[in-house]
Amino acid sequence: MTPIVTPFFDVATNTVSYVVQDPNGRAAAIVDSVLDFDYASGRTDTRSADAVIAFVRDNDLTVEWLLETHVHADHLSAAPYLQEKLGGKIGIGRNITLVQDTFGKIFNEGTAFQRDGSQFDRLFEDGDSFHIGQLRGDVLHTPGHTPACLTYVIGDAAFVGDTLFMPDFGTARVDFPGGSAEALYASIQKILALPDATRIFVGHDYKAPGRAEFAWETTVGEQRAKNVHVGAGTTAAEFARMRTARDATLPMPRLIVPSLQVNMRAGNMPEPEENGTTYLKIPLNAL
C-alpha cells in the first residue's frame, strides 16, 4: 500500500515531522514530532505541534501511533503533548534502555529515573510489525547514529530518521556515545536492500551546497546510486574513514543538552523541584 505522507518542516532545527495516513481510512501516525524550545529563555512553545494537530483535526484523522526513530539530540519531542491532544501510543526502539543508561549517568539522574524504557508505550525490536488502520508497518533496527535508531517501513515508504539524509548530503554522524561507523554502514545496507522504488523520508535536511530548496523525500534507488557517503559501491572501510574524519570537525548540536534529557523520557520534562520549577542540567566537559 502507498500511505499518504504529509511533511512538516521546522526551520529552527531543520527537522521534518510526518503525518502518515492510511489511504483507505482515517488512521494515522505521527513520526518525529517537534516541541519548540528557546534555549536563551528556557521557554517551550507548541506552535509546531499545533500545526500537526490542526492538520489531523481538519482531516478528521485518528492518531494511532506517535513514532520516534531515535532519541533526538537536536530537537525536543512533542509526543506527550500530542498524545494528550490526539491520543496514540508512543513507540521507540528497545535499545532506548542503553541510551537511558548512558545519559542517565552523564546527567546524574539518580535512581528515580527509570532506565527500562517504561516511559514509552511500545518498545520495538528488529522484525516487529504494527498497523495504522489497514497499513502494515515493519521495524528495522538501524543503529549507528545511536544504539536505538529504527527505520519504520510503512507500505512503500521508509522513515529513516537520521540514518540517511538526502543523497547530496550523505549520512548521520556517529560520534555520540554508543555511535559506530561500522554499525551505521551495516544499517544503511539494510535500508538499501529494500526495493528501489521505496520512498525514503529523511529526518532532517540542511540543503547541500548548490541546492536551492529544502528536500526530504528520495528513493532507495537514488540513495544507492547517488548518496555522497555510501552510494556507488563505497566500501565499509572507506565509509568508516570518511565518517570518522568528518565527525571530528562537527560541533555538538545546539540543543543536545536539553534534547537528550527530555527525549530519553519520551518527551517528558524532569520532575519539578520543591519550588515547583522544572530544571535542565548542563554537564560541564561531559559531552
Protein backbone atom coordinates (compact mmCIF):
# COMPACT_ATOMS: atom_id res chain seq x y z
CA MET A 1 0.00 0.00 0.00
CA THR A 2 1.01 3.59 -0.54
CA PRO A 3 0.47 5.72 2.56
CA ILE A 4 -0.38 9.39 2.32
CA VAL A 5 2.60 11.26 3.79
CA THR A 6 2.37 14.90 4.83
CA PRO A 7 5.61 16.60 5.93
CA PHE A 8 6.04 19.44 8.43
CA PHE A 9 9.43 21.18 8.23
CA ASP A 10 10.77 23.00 11.28
CA VAL A 11 13.22 25.68 10.11
CA ALA A 12 14.70 26.25 13.56
CA THR A 13 16.01 22.68 13.86
CA ASN A 14 15.88 21.54 10.21
CA THR A 15 13.65 18.69 11.36
CA VAL A 16 10.97 17.06 9.24
CA SER A 17 7.99 15.54 11.07
CA TYR A 18 5.47 13.43 9.20
CA VAL A 19 1.81 12.52 9.38
CA VAL A 20 1.43 9.07 7.81
CA GLN A 21 -2.12 8.19 6.78
CA ASP A 22 -3.89 5.02 5.71
CA PRO A 23 -5.11 5.91 2.19
CA ASN A 24 -8.25 3.80 2.71
CA GLY A 25 -9.29 5.23 6.04
CA ARG A 26 -8.69 7.83 8.73
CA ALA A 27 -5.99 6.09 10.78
CA ALA A 28 -2.68 7.94 11.04
CA ALA A 29 0.69 8.03 12.76
CA ILE A 30 2.98 10.96 13.56
CA VAL A 31 6.72 10.46 13.12
CA ASP A 32 9.39 12.53 14.95
CA SER A 33 7.38 15.44 16.29
CA VAL A 34 8.91 18.74 17.47
CA LEU A 35 8.39 20.76 20.63
CA ASP A 36 9.69 24.29 20.07
CA PHE A 37 12.32 25.41 22.58
CA ASP A 38 14.11 28.72 23.04
CA TYR A 39 17.41 27.94 24.75
CA ALA A 40 18.16 31.51 25.82
CA SER A 41 14.92 31.93 27.76
CA GLY A 42 14.30 28.30 28.65
CA ARG A 43 10.78 28.57 27.23
CA THR A 44 8.89 25.90 25.34
CA ASP A 45 6.25 26.52 22.69
CA THR A 46 3.82 24.22 20.89
CA ARG A 47 3.35 26.05 17.58
CA SER A 48 4.97 23.25 15.52
CA ALA A 49 2.93 20.56 17.26
CA ASP A 50 -0.21 22.68 16.99
CA ALA A 51 0.22 22.80 13.20
CA VAL A 52 0.22 19.00 13.17
CA ILE A 53 -2.81 18.90 15.47
CA ALA A 54 -4.70 21.30 13.21
CA PHE A 55 -3.95 19.13 10.18
CA VAL A 56 -5.07 15.97 11.94
CA ARG A 57 -8.32 17.56 13.09
CA ASP A 58 -9.02 19.29 9.79
CA ASN A 59 -8.75 15.92 8.04
CA ASP A 60 -10.66 14.04 10.74
CA LEU A 61 -7.80 11.62 11.32
CA THR A 62 -7.36 9.20 14.21
CA VAL A 63 -3.80 9.05 15.53
CA GLU A 64 -2.84 5.52 16.48
CA TRP A 65 0.94 5.92 16.84
CA LEU A 66 3.47 8.58 17.83
CA LEU A 67 6.67 7.11 16.46
CA GLU A 68 10.21 8.14 17.39
CA THR A 69 13.02 6.98 15.13
CA HIS A 70 15.54 7.53 17.98
CA VAL A 71 16.40 9.77 20.92
CA HIS A 72 16.99 13.02 19.07
CA ALA A 73 19.90 15.26 20.02
CA ASP A 74 18.80 18.30 18.01
CA HIS A 75 15.18 18.92 18.99
CA LEU A 76 12.73 18.13 21.76
CA SER A 77 9.92 15.67 21.09
CA ALA A 78 6.31 16.84 21.40
CA ALA A 79 4.99 13.28 21.77
CA PRO A 80 3.39 13.70 25.24
CA TYR A 81 1.64 16.91 24.17
CA LEU A 82 0.35 15.28 21.01
CA GLN A 83 -0.75 12.22 22.95
CA GLU A 84 -2.73 14.42 25.34
CA LYS A 85 -4.47 16.20 22.45
CA LEU A 86 -4.82 13.38 19.92
CA GLY A 87 -4.18 10.02 21.61
CA GLY A 88 -1.95 7.32 20.17
CA LYS A 89 0.84 5.14 21.57
CA ILE A 90 4.43 6.40 21.81
CA GLY A 91 6.89 3.94 20.26
CA ILE A 92 10.70 3.74 20.05
CA GLY A 93 13.39 1.08 19.75
CA ARG A 94 14.01 -1.32 22.64
CA ASN A 95 17.63 -0.20 22.84
CA ILE A 96 16.35 3.04 24.35
CA THR A 97 17.41 1.38 27.60
CA LEU A 98 21.07 1.62 26.52
CA VAL A 99 20.62 5.31 25.75
CA GLN A 100 18.87 5.89 29.07
CA ASP A 101 21.66 4.15 30.97
CA THR A 102 24.39 6.14 29.20
CA PHE A 103 22.81 9.56 29.56
CA GLY A 104 21.26 8.83 32.92
CA LYS A 105 24.83 8.63 34.18
CA ILE A 106 26.02 11.70 32.26
CA PHE A 107 23.18 13.79 33.70
CA ASN A 108 23.47 12.13 37.13
CA GLU A 109 19.78 11.32 37.16
CA GLY A 110 19.91 9.01 40.17
CA THR A 111 17.65 6.07 40.94
CA ALA A 112 14.39 7.98 40.41
CA PHE A 113 14.99 7.96 36.65
CA GLN A 114 13.80 4.65 35.24
CA ARG A 115 16.17 3.14 32.68
CA ASP A 116 13.83 0.39 31.46
CA GLY A 117 12.04 2.27 28.68
CA SER A 118 8.82 2.35 30.71
CA GLN A 119 8.21 6.00 29.75
CA PHE A 120 7.22 4.72 26.29
CA ASP A 121 4.13 2.70 25.36
CA ARG A 122 5.87 0.31 22.95
CA LEU A 123 9.49 -0.75 22.60
CA PHE A 124 10.07 -2.10 19.12
CA GLU A 125 12.59 -4.77 18.15
CA ASP A 126 14.00 -5.61 14.74
CA GLY A 127 11.38 -7.52 12.77
CA ASP A 128 8.39 -6.27 14.76
CA SER A 129 5.29 -5.10 12.91
CA PHE A 130 2.37 -2.82 13.72
CA HIS A 131 -0.64 -1.39 11.92
CA ILE A 132 -2.00 2.05 11.10
CA GLY A 133 -5.53 1.14 10.12
CA GLN A 134 -5.01 -1.29 7.23
CA LEU A 135 -1.43 -0.14 6.69
CA ARG A 136 1.26 -2.51 7.92
CA GLY A 137 4.44 -1.09 9.38
CA ASP A 138 7.64 -3.12 9.73
CA VAL A 139 10.52 -2.26 12.02
CA LEU A 140 14.19 -2.32 11.04
CA HIS A 141 16.75 -1.83 13.79
CA THR A 142 19.26 0.53 12.15
CA PRO A 143 21.84 1.53 14.80
CA GLY A 144 25.00 3.52 14.23
CA HIS A 145 23.93 7.10 14.79
CA THR A 146 22.61 5.90 18.17
CA PRO A 147 22.16 2.35 19.52
CA ALA A 148 18.37 2.70 19.44
CA CYS A 149 17.76 4.01 15.90
CA LEU A 150 14.90 2.47 13.96
CA THR A 151 13.62 2.67 10.41
CA TYR A 152 9.86 2.33 10.03
CA VAL A 153 8.86 0.76 6.71
CA ILE A 154 5.19 1.59 6.22
CA GLY A 155 3.79 0.38 2.93
CA ASP A 156 6.11 1.69 0.21
CA ALA A 157 7.62 4.36 2.50
CA ALA A 158 10.62 4.15 4.85
CA PHE A 159 11.13 6.70 7.63
CA VAL A 160 14.85 6.57 8.34
CA GLY A 161 15.32 9.28 10.96
CA ASP A 162 18.93 10.50 10.90
CA THR A 163 20.44 7.33 9.40
CA LEU A 164 20.37 8.72 5.87
CA PHE A 165 19.94 12.27 4.62
CA MET A 166 19.22 13.39 1.06
CA PRO A 167 21.68 11.81 -1.40
CA ASP A 168 23.59 15.08 -1.87
CA PHE A 169 24.08 15.48 1.90
CA GLY A 170 25.00 11.95 2.93
CA THR A 171 24.61 10.21 6.27
CA ALA A 172 24.34 10.70 10.03
CA ARG A 173 27.21 11.41 12.40
CA VAL A 174 28.39 8.58 14.67
CA ASP A 175 30.39 10.41 17.35
CA PHE A 176 27.73 10.42 20.07
CA PRO A 177 28.05 7.85 22.92
CA GLY A 178 27.09 4.46 21.50
CA GLY A 179 27.60 5.53 17.88
CA SER A 180 29.50 3.40 15.39
CA ALA A 181 30.51 3.98 11.77
CA GLU A 182 30.64 0.23 11.15
CA ALA A 183 27.15 -0.27 12.60
CA LEU A 184 25.79 2.67 10.59
CA TYR A 185 27.20 1.28 7.35
CA ALA A 186 25.58 -2.11 8.03
CA SER A 187 22.28 -0.43 8.88
CA ILE A 188 22.33 1.58 5.66
CA GLN A 189 22.84 -1.63 3.70
CA LYS A 190 19.64 -2.99 5.27
CA ILE A 191 17.77 0.07 4.05
CA LEU A 192 19.33 -0.08 0.60
CA ALA A 193 18.22 -3.72 0.29
CA LEU A 194 14.60 -2.53 0.12
CA PRO A 195 13.05 -2.27 -3.37
CA ASP A 196 14.47 0.57 -5.46
CA ALA A 197 11.13 2.36 -5.67
CA THR A 198 10.72 2.50 -1.87
CA ARG A 199 10.22 6.12 -0.86
CA ILE A 200 12.68 7.30 1.78
CA PHE A 201 11.68 10.12 4.11
CA VAL A 202 14.60 11.66 5.99
CA GLY A 203 14.55 13.21 9.47
CA HIS A 204 16.42 16.42 8.60
CA ASP A 205 17.59 18.47 5.66
CA TYR A 206 20.30 21.11 5.65
CA LYS A 207 20.35 21.99 1.93
CA ALA A 208 23.59 20.69 0.45
CA PRO A 209 25.75 23.34 -1.28
CA GLY A 210 24.26 24.27 -4.63
CA ARG A 211 20.72 23.16 -3.81
CA ALA A 212 18.19 25.98 -3.57
CA GLU A 213 15.32 24.27 -1.75
CA PHE A 214 14.89 22.05 1.27
CA ALA A 215 14.01 18.44 0.43
CA TRP A 216 13.14 15.32 2.39
CA GLU A 217 11.90 12.63 0.02
CA THR A 218 14.08 10.36 -2.10
CA THR A 219 14.13 6.66 -3.03
CA VAL A 220 16.23 3.62 -2.26
CA GLY A 221 17.43 3.57 -5.87
CA GLU A 222 18.55 7.21 -5.72
CA GLN A 223 20.33 6.65 -2.43
CA ARG A 224 22.15 3.57 -3.70
CA ALA A 225 23.32 5.35 -6.84
CA LYS A 226 23.96 8.89 -5.64
CA ASN A 227 24.46 9.15 -1.87
CA VAL A 228 27.71 11.08 -1.49
CA HIS A 229 28.80 9.00 1.51
CA VAL A 230 27.64 5.45 0.75
CA GLY A 231 26.50 5.39 -2.88
CA ALA A 232 28.13 3.88 -5.94
CA GLY A 233 29.77 0.97 -4.17
CA THR A 234 31.51 2.71 -1.25
CA THR A 235 33.08 0.05 0.99
CA ALA A 236 32.63 -0.22 4.75
CA ALA A 237 36.26 0.71 5.36
CA GLU A 238 36.05 3.76 3.09
CA PHE A 239 32.88 4.88 4.81
CA ALA A 240 34.32 4.46 8.31
CA ARG A 241 37.41 6.53 7.43
CA MET A 242 35.30 9.30 5.89
CA ARG A 243 32.74 9.35 8.68
CA THR A 244 35.32 9.42 11.48
CA ALA A 245 37.29 12.24 9.85
CA ARG A 246 34.15 14.28 9.11
CA ASP A 247 32.69 13.88 12.59
CA ALA A 248 35.89 15.22 14.14
CA THR A 249 35.12 18.58 12.51
CA LEU A 250 31.47 18.87 13.61
CA PRO A 251 30.27 20.92 16.60
CA MET A 252 27.79 19.48 19.06
CA PRO A 253 24.14 20.14 18.10
CA ARG A 254 22.87 23.39 19.65
CA LEU A 255 20.05 21.69 21.58
CA ILE A 256 21.80 18.45 22.53
CA VAL A 257 21.76 19.12 26.29
CA PRO A 258 18.02 19.80 26.69
CA SER A 259 17.03 17.36 23.94
CA LEU A 260 18.67 14.31 25.48
CA GLN A 261 17.28 14.96 28.95
CA VAL A 262 13.75 15.33 27.59
CA ASN A 263 13.73 12.76 24.79
CA MET A 264 15.10 9.89 26.87
CA ARG A 265 11.96 10.48 28.97
CA ALA A 266 9.69 10.07 25.91
CA GLY A 267 9.39 13.84 25.60
CA ASN A 268 8.54 14.45 29.24
CA MET A 269 10.32 17.07 31.32
CA PRO A 270 12.21 16.15 34.51
CA GLU A 271 10.12 16.28 37.66
CA PRO A 272 9.74 19.79 39.14
CA GLU A 273 11.85 20.57 42.19
CA GLU A 274 10.43 21.59 45.56
CA ASN A 275 9.82 25.15 44.37
CA GLY A 276 7.61 23.88 41.55
CA THR A 277 10.09 24.77 38.78
CA THR A 278 11.49 22.25 36.31
CA TYR A 279 15.23 22.41 35.63
CA LEU A 280 17.52 21.02 32.94
CA LYS A 281 21.15 20.32 33.78
CA ILE A 282 24.28 21.31 31.84
CA PRO A 283 27.02 18.74 32.47
CA LEU A 284 30.34 20.53 32.12
CA ASN A 285 33.00 18.89 29.94
CA ALA A 286 30.98 15.68 29.70
CA LEU A 287 29.85 15.67 26.05
